[in-house]
Structure formats: C-alpha cells, structure tokens
C-alpha cells in the first residue's frame, strides 16, 4: 500500500502547528514503515497446527492370523 492508495487517510494533530511538508514527511515515514512491516509479517507455512500436534498415531493393524487363543482375560 502506498500513500496514494491509502483509503480514507486521516491525520489528527494533537499539539503544535506542523507545516504541510512536515505532515507529508510523517505520512511518508509511517507508510513506508507499515509497508515494510506488512511484507515481513508472513506466517510460517510449515508450522503444524494444534490439531496435528495433539493427534495420536494410528494403531498398528490387528493380526487376524493369531485368533482368540492368546486371550487370557
């Protein structure tokens, strides 16, 4: 986003009487900082979600060849 494409830009001066050049400089610096920060603020795509971390592994398949003979309980 550049200063030209910023929708509804509003600057409230709380103290002092800045000139138009000073206001333009402030807007340029803040806009540049915002653009740089938004470009660097990308989420890591390789992170595992909380769901993936909490999932248990699948159990191994049942061995059907053993039958019920090993049951002792």
C-alpha atoms as a PDB file:
ATOM      1  CA  UNK A   1       0.000   0.000   0.000  1.00  0.00           C
ATOM      2  CA  UNK A   2       1.297   3.408  -0.856  1.00  0.00           C
ATOM      3  CA  UNK A   3       0.215   6.839   0.341  1.00  0.00           C
ATOM      4  CA  UNK A   4      -1.677   7.288  -2.935  1.00  0.00           C
ATOM      5  CA  UNK A   5      -3.771   4.133  -2.403  1.00  0.00           C
ATOM      6  CA  UNK A   6      -4.419   4.570   1.323  1.00  0.00           C
ATOM      7  CA  UNK A   7      -8.204   4.718   1.711  1.00  0.00           C
ATOM      8  CA  UNK A   8      -9.514   7.487   3.966  1.00  0.00           C
ATOM      9  CA  UNK A   9      -6.194   8.669   5.366  1.00  0.00           C
ATOM     10  CA  UNK A  10      -6.750  10.923   8.355  1.00  0.00           C
ATOM     11  CA  UNK A  11      -4.152  12.706  10.460  1.00  0.00           C
ATOM     12  CA  UNK A  12      -5.081  14.302  13.786  1.00  0.00           C
ATOM     13  CA  UNK A  13      -2.593  16.850  15.077  1.00  0.00           C
ATOM     14  CA  UNK A  14      -2.748  16.920  18.893  1.00  0.00           C
ATOM     15  CA  UNK A  15      -0.115  19.567  19.613  1.00  0.00           C
ATOM     16  CA  UNK A  16       1.763  22.211  17.711  1.00  0.00           C
ATOM     17  CA  UNK A  17       1.257  23.559  14.230  1.00  0.00           C
ATOM     18  CA  UNK A  18       3.104  21.388  11.685  1.00  0.00           C
ATOM     19  CA  UNK A  19       3.568  22.561   8.134  1.00  0.00           C
ATOM     20  CA  UNK A  20       2.286  20.639   5.151  1.00  0.00           C
ATOM     21  CA  UNK A  21       5.829  19.432   4.437  1.00  0.00           C
ATOM     22  CA  UNK A  22       6.191  18.080   7.991  1.00  0.00           C
ATOM     23  CA  UNK A  23       2.874  16.254   7.755  1.00  0.00           C
ATOM     24  CA  UNK A  24       3.868  14.809   4.376  1.00  0.00           C
ATOM     25  CA  UNK A  25       7.164  13.601   5.870  1.00  0.00           C
ATOM     26  CA  UNK A  26       5.378  11.917   8.792  1.00  0.00           C
ATOM     27  CA  UNK A  27       2.903  10.228   6.470  1.00  0.00           C
ATOM     28  CA  UNK A  28       5.716   9.030   4.184  1.00  0.00           C
ATOM     29  CA  UNK A  29       7.738   7.572   7.076  1.00  0.00           C
ATOM     30  CA  UNK A  30       4.741   5.852   8.671  1.00  0.00           C
ATOM     31  CA  UNK A  31       3.542   4.479   5.339  1.00  0.00           C
ATOM     32  CA  UNK A  32       6.996   3.114   4.488  1.00  0.00           C
ATOM     33  CA  UNK A  33       7.291   1.502   7.908  1.00  0.00           C
ATOM     34  CA  UNK A  34       3.842  -0.048   7.558  1.00  0.00           C
ATOM     35  CA  UNK A  35       4.626  -1.438   4.104  1.00  0.00           C
ATOM     36  CA  UNK A  36       7.931  -2.949   5.269  1.00  0.00           C
ATOM     37  CA  UNK A  37       6.344  -4.460   8.360  1.00  0.00           C
ATOM     38  CA  UNK A  38       3.415  -5.955   6.443  1.00  0.00           C
ATOM     39  CA  UNK A  39       5.792  -7.522   3.896  1.00  0.00           C
ATOM     40  CA  UNK A  40       7.833  -9.147   6.657  1.00  0.00           C
ATOM     41  CA  UNK A  41       4.812 -10.281   8.672  1.00  0.00           C
ATOM     42  CA  UNK A  42       4.087 -13.523   6.870  1.00  0.00           C
ATOM     43  CA  UNK A  43       3.025 -16.630   8.757  1.00  0.00           C
ATOM     44  CA  UNK A  44       5.257 -19.653   8.611  1.00  0.00           C
ATOM     45  CA  UNK A  45       3.619 -22.150   6.266  1.00  0.00           C
ATOM     46  CA  UNK A  46       5.480 -25.148   7.666  1.00  0.00           C
ATOM     47  CA  UNK A  47       4.106 -24.896  11.205  1.00  0.00           C
ATOM     48  CA  UNK A  48       1.970 -27.776  12.426  1.00  0.00           C
ATOM     49  CA  UNK A  49      -1.473 -26.932  13.739  1.00  0.00           C
ATOM     50  CA  UNK A  50      -2.521 -27.712  17.290  1.00  0.00           C
ATOM     51  CA  UNK A  51      -4.765 -30.423  15.901  1.00  0.00           C
ATOM     52  CA  UNK A  52      -1.866 -32.165  14.167  1.00  0.00           C
ATOM     53  CA  UNK A  53       0.298 -31.970  17.288  1.00  0.00           C
ATOM     54  CA  UNK A  54      -2.404 -33.438  19.542  1.00  0.00           C
ATOM     55  CA  UNK A  55      -3.334 -36.302  17.206  1.00  0.00           C
ATOM     56  CA  UNK A  56      -2.364 -39.765  18.319  1.00  0.00           C
ATOM     57  CA  UNK A  57      -0.701 -42.016  15.829  1.00  0.00           C
ATOM     58  CA  UNK A  58      -2.745 -44.752  14.195  1.00  0.00           C
ATOM     59  CA  UNK A  59      -2.524 -48.131  15.907  1.00  0.00           C
ATOM     60  CA  UNK A  60      -0.997 -50.997  14.056  1.00  0.00           C
ATOM     61  CA  UNK A  61      -3.437 -53.284  12.229  1.00  0.00           C
ATOM     62  CA  UNK A  62      -4.862 -56.303  14.057  1.00  0.00           C
ATOM     63  CA  UNK A  63      -3.179 -59.612  13.376  1.00  0.00           C
ATOM     64  CA  UNK A  64      -6.055 -61.811  12.311  1.00  0.00           C
ATOM     65  CA  UNK A  65      -3.834 -64.891  11.981  1.00  0.00           C
ATOM     66  CA  UNK A  66      -3.372 -65.196  15.785  1.00  0.00           C
ATOM     67  CA  UNK A  67      -7.047 -65.854  16.513  1.00  0.00           C
ATOM     68  CA  UNK A  68      -8.528 -65.840  20.055  1.00  0.00           C
ATOM     69  CA  UNK A  69      -6.069 -68.293  21.576  1.00  0.00           C
ATOM     70  CA  UNK A  70      -3.908 -65.561  23.099  1.00  0.00           C
ATOM     71  CA  UNK A  71      -6.798 -64.034  25.028  1.00  0.00           C
ATOM     72  CA  UNK A  72      -6.425 -64.652  28.744  1.00  0.00           C
ATOM     73  CA  UNK A  73      -8.677 -62.299  30.461  1.00  0.00           C
END
